């Protein structure tokens, strides 16, 4: 059960880190280099995949891993843009 939670947190954290490392993201201000974020995110996604492979079959693990990453990459940009628009409109 702990491995499942660790895999979930590693997937979400890795996907967020990769997202922050992209040049057109809106989550954090640009200032620091994006390479450390991408490297950390890739490492976390790899750890998550390995953890999922220890608990599930290969096809299920890859599907779960890819679906979790795509969910983060789909939801977070929309929420961030809505949040920024909401706060800019309130000014």
Protein backbone atom coordinates (compact mmCIF):
# COMPACT_ATOMS: atom_id res chain seq x y z
CA UNK A 1 0.00 0.00 0.00
CA UNK A 2 2.86 2.36 0.78
CA UNK A 3 4.43 1.65 -2.61
CA UNK A 4 1.17 2.63 -4.30
CA UNK A 5 1.08 5.97 -2.49
CA UNK A 6 4.76 6.56 -3.25
CA UNK A 7 4.13 5.79 -6.94
CA UNK A 8 1.17 8.19 -7.01
CA UNK A 9 3.12 11.01 -5.36
CA UNK A 10 6.15 10.37 -7.59
CA UNK A 11 3.95 10.47 -10.70
CA UNK A 12 2.27 13.72 -9.70
CA UNK A 13 5.53 15.29 -8.53
CA UNK A 14 7.41 14.18 -11.62
CA UNK A 15 4.73 15.42 -13.99
CA UNK A 16 4.59 18.77 -12.17
CA UNK A 17 8.38 19.09 -12.29
CA UNK A 18 8.47 18.37 -16.01
CA UNK A 19 5.67 20.90 -16.53
CA UNK A 20 7.56 23.56 -14.56
CA UNK A 21 10.62 22.87 -16.70
CA UNK A 22 8.83 23.73 -19.94
CA UNK A 23 9.34 27.19 -21.41
CA UNK A 24 5.66 28.17 -21.79
CA UNK A 25 4.34 27.13 -18.39
CA UNK A 26 2.51 29.59 -16.13
CA UNK A 27 2.92 27.96 -12.73
CA UNK A 28 6.11 29.67 -11.53
CA UNK A 29 8.05 32.67 -12.69
CA UNK A 30 11.02 32.11 -14.94
CA UNK A 31 14.28 32.83 -13.26
CA UNK A 32 15.88 29.55 -12.41
CA UNK A 33 17.08 27.20 -15.10
CA UNK A 34 14.56 24.70 -16.33
CA UNK A 35 17.01 21.81 -16.72
CA UNK A 36 17.00 20.81 -13.00
CA UNK A 37 13.21 20.68 -13.03
CA UNK A 38 13.16 18.47 -16.10
CA UNK A 39 15.85 16.17 -14.70
CA UNK A 40 14.09 15.85 -11.34
CA UNK A 41 10.75 15.26 -13.03
CA UNK A 42 12.18 12.60 -15.30
CA UNK A 43 13.79 10.84 -12.34
CA UNK A 44 10.54 10.93 -10.34
CA UNK A 45 8.55 9.61 -13.30
CA UNK A 46 11.05 6.78 -13.73
CA UNK A 47 10.83 5.92 -10.03
CA UNK A 48 7.04 5.95 -10.25
CA UNK A 49 7.10 3.59 -13.23
CA UNK A 50 9.44 1.18 -11.45
CA UNK A 51 7.21 1.20 -8.37
CA UNK A 52 4.13 0.55 -10.48
CA UNK A 53 5.88 -2.28 -12.30
CA UNK A 54 6.56 -3.99 -8.96
CA UNK A 55 2.85 -3.92 -8.08
CA UNK A 56 1.09 -4.41 -11.40
CA UNK A 57 1.59 -6.13 -14.71
CA UNK A 58 3.59 -4.28 -17.37
CA UNK A 59 0.65 -3.10 -19.48
CA UNK A 60 -1.38 -1.98 -16.46
CA UNK A 61 1.60 -0.21 -14.90
CA UNK A 62 2.43 1.73 -18.06
CA UNK A 63 -1.23 2.63 -18.57
CA UNK A 64 -1.61 3.82 -14.97
CA UNK A 65 1.64 5.78 -15.14
CA UNK A 66 0.83 7.47 -18.47
CA UNK A 67 -2.75 8.25 -17.43
CA UNK A 68 -1.59 9.86 -14.18
CA UNK A 69 1.00 12.02 -15.96
CA UNK A 70 -1.47 13.05 -18.67
CA UNK A 71 -4.06 13.93 -16.04
CA UNK A 72 -1.60 16.28 -14.32
CA UNK A 73 -0.48 17.76 -17.65
CA UNK A 74 -4.11 18.38 -18.64
CA UNK A 75 -5.56 19.70 -15.39
CA UNK A 76 -2.74 21.83 -13.96
CA UNK A 77 -2.35 24.24 -16.92
CA UNK A 78 -6.10 24.87 -17.02
CA UNK A 79 -6.29 25.50 -13.27
CA UNK A 80 -3.25 27.80 -13.32
CA UNK A 81 -4.60 29.87 -16.21
CA UNK A 82 -8.03 30.12 -14.56
CA UNK A 83 -6.42 31.12 -11.24
CA UNK A 84 -4.29 33.82 -12.87
CA UNK A 85 -7.24 35.16 -14.88
CA UNK A 86 -9.41 35.19 -11.75
CA UNK A 87 -6.83 37.18 -9.77
CA UNK A 88 -6.06 39.61 -12.62
CA UNK A 89 -9.78 40.29 -13.11
CA UNK A 90 -10.17 41.07 -9.41
CA UNK A 91 -7.61 43.90 -9.62
